[in-house]
Structures are given as structure tokens and as C-alpha cells.
Amino acid sequence: MRPEARAGEDMEAMNRLSCEQAVRQFFAYLDRALSGEPLEALEAHLEACLDCCDKLQFSRQLDVFVRGRLGEAPLPEDVEARIRREIAAAQAGASESKE
């Protein structure tokens, strides 16, 4: 474990990418579609943010699951947006239940 790593939103001030910006790039990262400065910025963020590392691991598992279900079929255009909406709704529901 990296001793300098911290969790969550505090990292936004220290890195060029916010957690939200990093998460939006995960599927491009997993598809190896990032290079140059965007790749370096994401990797720097991941070096410092444990929350995003956890989210990236979930994204990897989701990617494997979806690809396993689709087989050779192309990914529907709006599937990522639908998944993000469902995750956001689930997170909002979880936060409301804690209050």
C-alpha cells in the first residue's frame, strides 16, 4: 500500500483530475484508449486516491461482466450512460438511507 495515498475528494486539490473526471475516463483506460497527458494525469490520480482505485476495480469487474454477456455483439451506444445513471441512483439511495 502506498503510504501517501489518501481517500476521496481531498485529492482533487492535489491532482489535476478530480475524482469525477477520473471516473469518467475509466472505460477508455480499460480499453487502452488513453495515451499521453490524459493517461499520465489519470495514473497520477490513481497513485494518490484509494477511492478511485476501488472504483477502477469495480469498473474492471463490470467491464468483464458486460463483455462476457455481449460476446461478439457490439456494445449499445448508451449502455455506459445508463450504467452511470443507475450507479448514481443507487449511491444517492444509499446516502439517503444513512441519514
PDB file of N, CA and C in Angstrom:
ATOM      1  N   MET A   1       0.838  -1.175   0.000  1.00  0.00           N
ATOM      2  CA  MET A   1       0.000   0.000   0.000  1.00  0.00           C
ATOM      3  C   MET A   1       0.882   1.237   0.000  1.00  0.00           C
ATOM      4  N   ARG A   2       0.436   2.242  -0.731  1.00  0.00           N
ATOM      5  CA  ARG A   2       1.204   3.476  -0.825  1.00  0.00           C
ATOM      6  C   ARG A   2       0.911   4.337   0.397  1.00  0.00           C
ATOM      7  N   PRO A   3       1.924   4.690   1.201  1.00  0.00           N
ATOM      8  CA  PRO A   3       1.678   5.474   2.412  1.00  0.00           C
ATOM      9  C   PRO A   3       1.148   6.868   2.129  1.00  0.00           C
ATOM     10  N   GLU A   4       1.464   7.427   0.954  1.00  0.00           N
ATOM     11  CA  GLU A   4       0.999   8.781   0.659  1.00  0.00           C
ATOM     12  C   GLU A   4      -0.443   8.807   0.139  1.00  0.00           C
ATOM     13  N   ALA A   5      -1.002   7.635  -0.132  1.00  0.00           N
ATOM     14  CA  ALA A   5      -2.354   7.586  -0.687  1.00  0.00           C
ATOM     15  C   ALA A   5      -3.381   8.018   0.347  1.00  0.00           C
ATOM     16  N   ARG A   6      -4.371   8.736  -0.154  1.00  0.00           N
ATOM     17  CA  ARG A   6      -5.462   9.201   0.688  1.00  0.00           C
ATOM     18  C   ARG A   6      -6.759   8.851  -0.004  1.00  0.00           C
ATOM     19  N   ALA A   7      -7.847   8.953   0.730  1.00  0.00           N
ATOM     20  CA  ALA A   7      -9.146   8.613   0.167  1.00  0.00           C
ATOM     21  C   ALA A   7      -9.909   9.859  -0.240  1.00  0.00           C
ATOM     22  N   GLY A   8     -10.571   9.769  -1.379  1.00  0.00           N
ATOM     23  CA  GLY A   8     -11.648  10.654  -1.735  1.00  0.00           C
ATOM     24  C   GLY A   8     -11.369  12.038  -2.233  1.00  0.00           C
ATOM     25  N   GLU A   9     -12.312  12.889  -1.963  1.00  0.00           N
ATOM     26  CA  GLU A   9     -12.393  14.204  -2.552  1.00  0.00           C
ATOM     27  C   GLU A   9     -11.243  15.123  -2.157  1.00  0.00           C
ATOM     28  N   ASP A  10     -10.541  14.886  -1.062  1.00  0.00           N
ATOM     29  CA  ASP A  10      -9.402  15.720  -0.676  1.00  0.00           C
ATOM     30  C   ASP A  10      -8.329  15.727  -1.758  1.00  0.00           C
ATOM     31  N   MET A  11      -8.317  14.711  -2.579  1.00  0.00           N
ATOM     32  CA  MET A  11      -7.288  14.577  -3.596  1.00  0.00           C
ATOM     33  C   MET A  11      -7.494  15.559  -4.742  1.00  0.00           C
ATOM     34  N   GLU A  12      -8.689  16.103  -4.919  1.00  0.00           N
ATOM     35  CA  GLU A  12      -8.954  16.995  -6.039  1.00  0.00           C
ATOM     36  C   GLU A  12      -8.008  18.191  -6.048  1.00  0.00           C
ATOM     37  N   ALA A  13      -7.720  18.736  -4.890  1.00  0.00           N
ATOM     38  CA  ALA A  13      -6.837  19.896  -4.821  1.00  0.00           C
ATOM     39  C   ALA A  13      -5.401  19.524  -5.157  1.00  0.00           C
ATOM     40  N   MET A  14      -5.016  18.276  -4.929  1.00  0.00           N
ATOM     41  CA  MET A  14      -3.635  17.864  -5.119  1.00  0.00           C
ATOM     42  C   MET A  14      -3.358  17.359  -6.539  1.00  0.00           C
ATOM     43  N   ASN A  15      -4.375  16.961  -7.256  1.00  0.00           N
ATOM     44  CA  ASN A  15      -4.196  16.382  -8.589  1.00  0.00           C
ATOM     45  C   ASN A  15      -4.874  17.230  -9.637  1.00  0.00           C
ATOM     46  N   ARG A  16      -4.426  17.078 -10.850  1.00  0.00           N
ATOM     47  CA  ARG A  16      -5.057  17.821 -11.935  1.00  0.00           C
ATOM     48  C   ARG A  16      -6.458  17.300 -12.212  1.00  0.00           C
ATOM     49  N   LEU A  17      -6.702  16.026 -11.985  1.00  0.00           N
ATOM     50  CA  LEU A  17      -8.020  15.450 -12.222  1.00  0.00           C
ATOM     51  C   LEU A  17      -8.808  15.366 -10.929  1.00  0.00           C
ATOM     52  N   SER A  18     -10.087  15.679 -10.999  1.00  0.00           N
ATOM     53  CA  SER A  18     -10.960  15.417  -9.857  1.00  0.00           C
ATOM     54  C   SER A  18     -11.340  13.944  -9.909  1.00  0.00           C
ATOM     55  N   CYS A  19     -11.909  13.459  -8.843  1.00  0.00           N
ATOM     56  CA  CYS A  19     -12.365  12.065  -8.827  1.00  0.00           C
ATOM     57  C   CYS A  19     -13.410  11.843  -9.914  1.00  0.00           C
ATOM     58  N   GLU A  20     -14.305  12.788 -10.088  1.00  0.00           N
ATOM     59  CA  GLU A  20     -15.344  12.659 -11.110  1.00  0.00           C
ATOM     60  C   GLU A  20     -14.728  12.573 -12.511  1.00  0.00           C
ATOM     61  N   GLN A  21     -13.738  13.410 -12.774  1.00  0.00           N
ATOM     62  CA  GLN A  21     -13.069  13.370 -14.080  1.00  0.00           C
ATOM     63  C   GLN A  21     -12.339  12.045 -14.277  1.00  0.00           C
ATOM     64  N   ALA A  22     -11.719  11.550 -13.232  1.00  0.00           N
ATOM     65  CA  ALA A  22     -11.002  10.279 -13.323  1.00  0.00           C
ATOM     66  C   ALA A  22     -11.962   9.136 -13.640  1.00  0.00           C
ATOM     67  N   VAL A  23     -13.068   9.081 -12.916  1.00  0.00           N
ATOM     68  CA  VAL A  23     -14.038   8.005 -13.114  1.00  0.00           C
ATOM     69  C   VAL A  23     -14.575   8.004 -14.545  1.00  0.00           C
ATOM     70  N   ARG A  24     -14.792   9.186 -15.105  1.00  0.00           N
ATOM     71  CA  ARG A  24     -15.308   9.267 -16.481  1.00  0.00           C
ATOM     72  C   ARG A  24     -14.331   8.677 -17.493  1.00  0.00           C
ATOM     73  N   GLN A  25     -13.075   8.546 -17.137  1.00  0.00           N
ATOM     74  CA  GLN A  25     -12.063   8.029 -18.064  1.00  0.00           C
ATOM     75  C   GLN A  25     -11.766   6.541 -17.877  1.00  0.00           C
ATOM     76  N   PHE A  26     -12.381   5.902 -16.903  1.00  0.00           N
ATOM     77  CA  PHE A  26     -12.029   4.512 -16.592  1.00  0.00           C
ATOM     78  C   PHE A  26     -12.216   3.564 -17.766  1.00  0.00           C
ATOM     79  N   PHE A  27     -13.337   3.650 -18.483  1.00  0.00           N
ATOM     80  CA  PHE A  27     -13.557   2.674 -19.545  1.00  0.00           C
ATOM     81  C   PHE A  27     -12.595   2.900 -20.713  1.00  0.00           C
ATOM     82  N   ALA A  28     -12.254   4.149 -21.004  1.00  0.00           N
ATOM     83  CA  ALA A  28     -11.230   4.419 -22.022  1.00  0.00           C
ATOM     84  C   ALA A  28      -9.886   3.860 -21.550  1.00  0.00           C
ATOM     85  N   TYR A  29      -9.590   4.012 -20.267  1.00  0.00           N
ATOM     86  CA  TYR A  29      -8.357   3.481 -19.694  1.00  0.00           C
ATOM     87  C   TYR A  29      -8.324   1.955 -19.828  1.00  0.00           C
ATOM     88  N   LEU A  30      -9.440   1.312 -19.480  1.00  0.00           N
ATOM     89  CA  LEU A  30      -9.501  -0.145 -19.556  1.00  0.00           C
ATOM     90  C   LEU A  30      -9.400  -0.638 -20.998  1.00  0.00           C
ATOM     91  N   ASP A  31      -9.893   0.159 -21.937  1.00  0.00           N
ATOM     92  CA  ASP A  31      -9.810  -0.197 -23.362  1.00  0.00           C
ATOM     93  C   ASP A  31      -8.468   0.197 -23.971  1.00  0.00           C
ATOM     94  N   ARG A  32      -7.584   0.763 -23.160  1.00  0.00           N
ATOM     95  CA  ARG A  32      -6.269   1.232 -23.606  1.00  0.00           C
ATOM     96  C   ARG A  32      -6.389   2.303 -24.684  1.00  0.00           C
ATOM     97  N   ALA A  33      -7.408   3.145 -24.519  1.00  0.00           N
ATOM     98  CA  ALA A  33      -7.649   4.215 -25.482  1.00  0.00           C
ATOM     99  C   ALA A  33      -7.085   5.549 -25.005  1.00  0.00           C
ATOM    100  N   LEU A  34      -6.489   5.583 -23.829  1.00  0.00           N
ATOM    101  CA  LEU A  34      -5.861   6.803 -23.319  1.00  0.00           C
ATOM    102  C   LEU A  34      -4.364   6.754 -23.594  1.00  0.00           C
ATOM    103  N   SER A  35      -3.805   7.908 -23.904  1.00  0.00           N
ATOM    104  CA  SER A  35      -2.353   7.990 -24.064  1.00  0.00           C
ATOM    105  C   SER A  35      -1.918   9.412 -23.756  1.00  0.00           C
ATOM    106  N   GLY A  36      -0.638   9.602 -23.667  1.00  0.00           N
ATOM    107  CA  GLY A  36      -0.087  10.926 -23.439  1.00  0.00           C
ATOM    108  C   GLY A  36      -0.511  11.536 -22.123  1.00  0.00           C
ATOM    109  N   GLU A  37      -0.789  12.834 -22.157  1.00  0.00           N
ATOM    110  CA  GLU A  37      -1.114  13.577 -20.937  1.00  0.00           C
ATOM    111  C   GLU A  37      -2.366  13.069 -20.218  1.00  0.00           C
ATOM    112  N   PRO A  38      -3.454  12.722 -20.939  1.00  0.00           N
ATOM    113  CA  PRO A  38      -4.627  12.194 -20.225  1.00  0.00           C
ATOM    114  C   PRO A  38      -4.310  10.912 -19.443  1.00  0.00           C
ATOM    115  N   LEU A  39      -3.517  10.034 -20.035  1.00  0.00           N
ATOM    116  CA  LEU A  39      -3.119   8.806 -19.354  1.00  0.00           C
ATOM    117  C   LEU A  39      -2.259   9.120 -18.133  1.00  0.00           C
ATOM    118  N   GLU A  40      -1.293  10.014 -18.299  1.00  0.00           N
ATOM    119  CA  GLU A  40      -0.417  10.380 -17.184  1.00  0.00           C
ATOM    120  C   GLU A  40      -1.210  11.014 -16.041  1.00  0.00           C
ATOM    121  N   ALA A  41      -2.161  11.872 -16.370  1.00  0.00           N
ATOM    122  CA  ALA A  41      -2.968  12.529 -15.337  1.00  0.00           C
ATOM    123  C   ALA A  41      -3.813  11.511 -14.581  1.00  0.00           C
ATOM    124  N   LEU A  42      -4.416  10.565 -15.308  1.00  0.00           N
ATOM    125  CA  LEU A  42      -5.227   9.539 -14.646  1.00  0.00           C
ATOM    126  C   LEU A  42      -4.356   8.657 -13.763  1.00  0.00           C
ATOM    127  N   GLU A  43      -3.220   8.228 -14.263  1.00  0.00           N
ATOM    128  CA  GLU A  43      -2.343   7.373 -13.464  1.00  0.00           C
ATOM    129  C   GLU A  43      -1.827   8.107 -12.225  1.00  0.00           C
ATOM    130  N   ALA A  44      -1.544   9.396 -12.352  1.00  0.00           N
ATOM    131  CA  ALA A  44      -1.114  10.175 -11.187  1.00  0.00           C
ATOM    132  C   ALA A  44      -2.234  10.253 -10.162  1.00  0.00           C
ATOM    133  N   HIS A  45      -3.448  10.442 -10.625  1.00  0.00           N
ATOM    134  CA  HIS A  45      -4.587  10.495  -9.710  1.00  0.00           C
ATOM    135  C   HIS A  45      -4.756   9.154  -9.000  1.00  0.00           C
ATOM    136  N   LEU A  46      -4.650   8.064  -9.752  1.00  0.00           N
ATOM    137  CA  LEU A  46      -4.815   6.733  -9.162  1.00  0.00           C
ATOM    138  C   LEU A  46      -3.709   6.409  -8.152  1.00  0.00           C
ATOM    139  N   GLU A  47      -2.529   6.962  -8.354  1.00  0.00           N
ATOM    140  CA  GLU A  47      -1.431   6.748  -7.405  1.00  0.00           C
ATOM    141  C   GLU A  47      -1.761   7.338  -6.039  1.00  0.00           C
ATOM    142  N   ALA A  48      -2.594   8.368  -6.026  1.00  0.00           N
ATOM    143  CA  ALA A  48      -2.859   9.087  -4.779  1.00  0.00           C
ATOM    144  C   ALA A  48      -4.243   8.847  -4.198  1.00  0.00           C
ATOM    145  N   CYS A  49      -5.172   8.303  -4.950  1.00  0.00           N
ATOM    146  CA  CYS A  49      -6.564   8.242  -4.497  1.00  0.00           C
ATOM    147  C   CYS A  49      -7.054   6.796  -4.362  1.00  0.00           C
ATOM    148  N   LEU A  50      -7.187   6.339  -3.144  1.00  0.00           N
ATOM    149  CA  LEU A  50      -7.650   4.976  -2.898  1.00  0.00           C
ATOM    150  C   LEU A  50      -9.098   4.775  -3.312  1.00  0.00           C
ATOM    151  N   ASP A  51      -9.938   5.792  -3.144  1.00  0.00           N
ATOM    152  CA  ASP A  51     -11.343   5.672  -3.549  1.00  0.00           C
ATOM    153  C   ASP A  51     -11.446   5.378  -5.040  1.00  0.00           C
ATOM    154  N   CYS A  52     -10.677   6.094  -5.835  1.00  0.00           N
ATOM    155  CA  CYS A  52     -10.730   5.876  -7.283  1.00  0.00           C
ATOM    156  C   CYS A  52     -10.121   4.524  -7.664  1.00  0.00           C
ATOM    157  N   CYS A  53      -9.140   4.060  -6.928  1.00  0.00           N
ATOM    158  CA  CYS A  53      -8.598   2.718  -7.182  1.00  0.00           C
ATOM    159  C   CYS A  53      -9.685   1.665  -6.964  1.00  0.00           C
ATOM    160  N   ASP A  54     -10.480   1.833  -5.905  1.00  0.00           N
ATOM    161  CA  ASP A  54     -11.598   0.921  -5.650  1.00  0.00           C
ATOM    162  C   ASP A  54     -12.630   1.003  -6.768  1.00  0.00           C
ATOM    163  N   LYS A  55     -12.920   2.216  -7.207  1.00  0.00           N
ATOM    164  CA  LYS A  55     -13.896   2.402  -8.286  1.00  0.00           C
ATOM    165  C   LYS A  55     -13.375   1.817  -9.595  1.00  0.00           C
ATOM    166  N   LEU A  56     -12.078   1.926  -9.843  1.00  0.00           N
ATOM    167  CA  LEU A  56     -11.490   1.348 -11.046  1.00  0.00           C
ATOM    168  C   LEU A  56     -11.603  -0.176 -10.996  1.00  0.00           C
ATOM    169  N   GLN A  57     -11.385  -0.762  -9.852  1.00  0.00           N
ATOM    170  CA  GLN A  57     -11.508  -2.214  -9.716  1.00  0.00           C
ATOM    171  C   GLN A  57     -12.940  -2.649 -10.024  1.00  0.00           C
ATOM    172  N   PHE A  58     -13.919  -1.895  -9.502  1.00  0.00           N
ATOM    173  CA  PHE A  58     -15.321  -2.193  -9.811  1.00  0.00           C
ATOM    174  C   PHE A  58     -15.559  -2.064 -11.313  1.00  0.00           C
ATOM    175  N   SER A  59     -15.008  -1.025 -11.932  1.00  0.00           N
ATOM    176  CA  SER A  59     -15.177  -0.823 -13.377  1.00  0.00           C
ATOM    177  C   SER A  59     -14.580  -1.979 -14.165  1.00  0.00           C
ATOM    178  N   ARG A  60     -13.450  -2.507 -13.704  1.00  0.00           N
ATOM    179  CA  ARG A  60     -12.841  -3.673 -14.363  1.00  0.00           C
ATOM    180  C   ARG A  60     -13.783  -4.870 -14.300  1.00  0.00           C
ATOM    181  N   GLN A  61     -14.346  -5.101 -13.109  1.00  0.00           N
ATOM    182  CA  GLN A  61     -15.262  -6.229 -12.942  1.00  0.00           C
ATOM    183  C   GLN A  61     -16.514  -6.050 -13.805  1.00  0.00           C
ATOM    184  N   LEU A  62     -17.034  -4.838 -13.849  1.00  0.00           N
ATOM    185  CA  LEU A  62     -18.204  -4.548 -14.669  1.00  0.00           C
ATOM    186  C   LEU A  62     -17.880  -4.748 -16.147  1.00  0.00           C
ATOM    187  N   ASP A  63     -16.713  -4.297 -16.575  1.00  0.00           N
ATOM    188  CA  ASP A  63     -16.293  -4.445 -17.959  1.00  0.00           C
ATOM    189  C   ASP A  63     -16.215  -5.921 -18.343  1.00  0.00           C
ATOM    190  N   VAL A  64     -15.624  -6.739 -17.495  1.00  0.00           N
ATOM    191  CA  VAL A  64     -15.514  -8.176 -17.763  1.00  0.00           C
ATOM    192  C   VAL A  64     -16.909  -8.798 -17.836  1.00  0.00           C
ATOM    193  N   PHE A  65     -17.787  -8.426 -16.912  1.00  0.00           N
ATOM    194  CA  PHE A  65     -19.144  -8.960 -16.889  1.00  0.00           C
ATOM    195  C   PHE A  65     -19.894  -8.608 -18.173  1.00  0.00           C
ATOM    196  N   VAL A  66     -19.869  -7.323 -18.545  1.00  0.00           N
ATOM    197  CA  VAL A  66     -20.596  -6.870 -19.735  1.00  0.00           C
ATOM    198  C   VAL A  66     -20.033  -7.535 -20.986  1.00  0.00           C
ATOM    199  N   ARG A  67     -18.721  -7.577 -21.111  1.00  0.00           N
ATOM    200  CA  ARG A  67     -18.112  -8.205 -22.295  1.00  0.00           C
ATOM    201  C   ARG A  67     -18.447  -9.691 -22.356  1.00  0.00           C
ATOM    202  N   GLY A  68     -18.506 -10.337 -21.200  1.00  0.00           N
ATOM    203  CA  GLY A  68     -18.868 -11.753 -21.164  1.00  0.00           C
ATOM    204  C   GLY A  68     -20.300 -11.995 -21.599  1.00  0.00           C
ATOM    205  N   ARG A  69     -21.174 -11.083 -21.267  1.00  0.00           N
ATOM    206  CA  ARG A  69     -22.587 -11.205 -21.656  1.00  0.00           C
ATOM    207  C   ARG A  69     -22.809 -10.864 -23.124  1.00  0.00           C
ATOM    208  N   LEU A  70     -22.061  -9.924 -23.665  1.00  0.00           N
ATOM    209  CA  LEU A  70     -22.266  -9.478 -25.039  1.00  0.00           C
ATOM    210  C   LEU A  70     -21.640 -10.407 -26.070  1.00  0.00           C
ATOM    211  N   GLY A  71     -20.577 -11.092 -25.677  1.00  0.00           N
ATOM    212  CA  GLY A  71     -19.874 -11.915 -26.649  1.00  0.00           C
ATOM    213  C   GLY A  71     -19.297 -11.044 -27.746  1.00  0.00           C
ATOM    214  N   GLU A  72     -19.617 -11.338 -28.985  1.00  0.00           N
ATOM    215  CA  GLU A  72     -19.103 -10.586 -30.128  1.00  0.00           C
ATOM    216  C   GLU A  72     -20.002  -9.421 -30.520  1.00  0.00           C
ATOM    217  N   ALA A  73     -21.162  -9.299 -29.879  1.00  0.00           N
ATOM    218  CA  ALA A  73     -22.087  -8.210 -30.218  1.00  0.00           C
ATOM    219  C   ALA A  73     -21.486  -6.868 -29.825  1.00  0.00           C
ATOM    220  N   PRO A  74     -21.734  -5.825 -30.640  1.00  0.00           N
ATOM    221  CA  PRO A  74     -21.216  -4.501 -30.276  1.00  0.00           C
ATOM    222  C   PRO A  74     -21.949  -3.949 -29.052  1.00  0.00           C
ATOM    223  N   LEU A  75     -21.255  -3.154 -28.299  1.00  0.00           N
ATOM    224  CA  LEU A  75     -21.825  -2.528 -27.110  1.00  0.00           C
ATOM    225  C   LEU A  75     -22.823  -1.454 -27.540  1.00  0.00           C
ATOM    226  N   PRO A  76     -24.052  -1.510 -27.040  1.00  0.00           N
ATOM    227  CA  PRO A  76     -25.016  -0.453 -27.376  1.00  0.00           C
ATOM    228  C   PRO A  76     -24.463   0.914 -26.983  1.00  0.00           C
ATOM    229  N   GLU A  77     -24.744   1.926 -27.806  1.00  0.00           N
ATOM    230  CA  GLU A  77     -24.171   3.258 -27.604  1.00  0.00           C
ATOM    231  C   GLU A  77     -24.438   3.846 -26.235  1.00  0.00           C
ATOM    232  N   ASP A  78     -25.620   3.673 -25.706  1.00  0.00           N
ATOM    233  CA  ASP A  78     -25.992   4.359 -24.471  1.00  0.00           C
ATOM    234  C   ASP A  78     -25.797   3.518 -23.218  1.00  0.00           C
ATOM    235  N   VAL A  79     -25.169   2.356 -23.326  1.00  0.00           N
ATOM    236  CA  VAL A  79     -25.063   1.480 -22.163  1.00  0.00           C
ATOM    237  C   VAL A  79     -24.235   2.112 -21.039  1.00  0.00           C
ATOM    238  N   GLU A  80     -23.147   2.778 -21.368  1.00  0.00           N
ATOM    239  CA  GLU A  80     -22.331   3.395 -20.322  1.00  0.00           C
ATOM    240  C   GLU A  80     -23.123   4.476 -19.587  1.00  0.00           C
ATOM    241  N   ALA A  81     -23.851   5.299 -20.323  1.00  0.00           N
ATOM    242  CA  ALA A  81     -24.661   6.354 -19.696  1.00  0.00           C
ATOM    243  C   ALA A  81     -25.735   5.751 -18.795  1.00  0.00           C
ATOM    244  N   ARG A  82     -26.376   4.670 -19.252  1.00  0.00           N
ATOM    245  CA  ARG A  82     -27.406   4.015 -18.434  1.00  0.00           C
ATOM    246  C   ARG A  82     -26.801   3.432 -17.162  1.00  0.00           C
ATOM    247  N   ILE A  83     -25.639   2.812 -17.266  1.00  0.00           N
ATOM    248  CA  ILE A  83     -24.981   2.230 -16.092  1.00  0.00           C
ATOM    249  C   ILE A  83     -24.609   3.328 -15.107  1.00  0.00           C
ATOM    250  N   ARG A  84     -24.059   4.438 -15.613  1.00  0.00           N
ATOM    251  CA  ARG A  84     -23.695   5.557 -14.730  1.00  0.00           C
ATOM    252  C   ARG A  84     -24.913   6.111 -13.998  1.00  0.00           C
ATOM    253  N   ARG A  85     -26.049   6.230 -14.707  1.00  0.00           N
ATOM    254  CA  ARG A  85     -27.277   6.727 -14.063  1.00  0.00           C
ATOM    255  C   ARG A  85     -27.732   5.786 -12.963  1.00  0.00           C
ATOM    256  N   GLU A  86     -27.686   4.490 -13.226  1.00  0.00           N
ATOM    257  CA  GLU A  86     -28.110   3.502 -12.234  1.00  0.00           C
ATOM    258  C   GLU A  86     -27.192   3.513 -11.010  1.00  0.00           C
ATOM    259  N   ILE A  87     -25.903   3.623 -11.242  1.00  0.00           N
ATOM    260  CA  ILE A  87     -24.945   3.674 -10.125  1.00  0.00           C
ATOM    261  C   ILE A  87     -25.177   4.934  -9.305  1.00  0.00           C
ATOM    262  N   ALA A  88     -25.363   6.071  -9.972  1.00  0.00           N
ATOM    263  CA  ALA A  88     -25.615   7.336  -9.263  1.00  0.00           C
ATOM    264  C   ALA A  88     -26.897   7.246  -8.447  1.00  0.00           C
ATOM    265  N   ALA A  89     -27.930   6.640  -9.011  1.00  0.00           N
ATOM    266  CA  ALA A  89     -29.196   6.492  -8.286  1.00  0.00           C
ATOM    267  C   ALA A  89     -29.018   5.577  -7.076  1.00  0.00           C
ATOM    268  N   ALA A  90     -28.253   4.510  -7.250  1.00  0.00           N
ATOM    269  CA  ALA A  90     -28.005   3.587  -6.134  1.00  0.00           C
ATOM    270  C   ALA A  90     -27.196   4.272  -5.037  1.00  0.00           C
ATOM    271  N   GLN A  91     -26.205   5.071  -5.431  1.00  0.00           N
ATOM    272  CA  GLN A  91     -25.398   5.794  -4.441  1.00  0.00           C
ATOM    273  C   GLN A  91     -26.241   6.822  -3.717  1.00  0.00           C
ATOM    274  N   ALA A  92     -27.117   7.518  -4.434  1.00  0.00           N
ATOM    275  CA  ALA A  92     -27.992   8.509  -3.804  1.00  0.00           C
ATOM    276  C   ALA A  92     -28.931   7.820  -2.822  1.00  0.00           C
ATOM    277  N   GLY A  93     -29.448   6.674  -3.185  1.00  0.00           N
ATOM    278  CA  GLY A  93     -30.320   5.920  -2.290  1.00  0.00           C
ATOM    279  C   GLY A  93     -29.584   5.440  -1.056  1.00  0.00           C
ATOM    280  N   ALA A  94     -28.338   5.037  -1.223  1.00  0.00           N
ATOM    281  CA  ALA A  94     -27.531   4.586  -0.083  1.00  0.00           C
ATOM    282  C   ALA A  94     -27.245   5.741   0.861  1.00  0.00           C
ATOM    283  N   SER A  95     -26.959   6.941   0.319  1.00  0.00           N
ATOM    284  CA  SER A  95     -26.681   8.090   1.189  1.00  0.00           C
ATOM    285  C   SER A  95     -27.933   8.527   1.925  1.00  0.00           C
ATOM    286  N   GLU A  96     -29.084   8.464   1.282  1.00  0.00           N
ATOM    287  CA  GLU A  96     -30.325   8.855   1.938  1.00  0.00           C
ATOM    288  C   GLU A  96     -30.662   7.906   3.072  1.00  0.00           C
ATOM    289  N   SER A  97     -30.373   6.620   2.892  1.00  0.00           N
ATOM    290  CA  SER A  97     -30.711   5.643   3.932  1.00  0.00           C
ATOM    291  C   SER A  97     -29.798   5.785   5.155  1.00  0.00           C
ATOM    292  N   LYS A  98     -28.617   6.395   4.978  1.00  0.00           N
ATOM    293  CA  LYS A  98     -27.702   6.598   6.105  1.00  0.00           C
ATOM    294  C   LYS A  98     -28.103   7.791   6.944  1.00  0.00           C
ATOM    295  N   GLU A  99     -28.881   8.703   6.366  1.00  0.00           N
ATOM    296  CA  GLU A  99     -29.246   9.932   7.093  1.00  0.00           C
ATOM    297  C   GLU A  99     -30.380   9.713   8.026  1.00  0.00           C
TER     298      GLU A  99
END
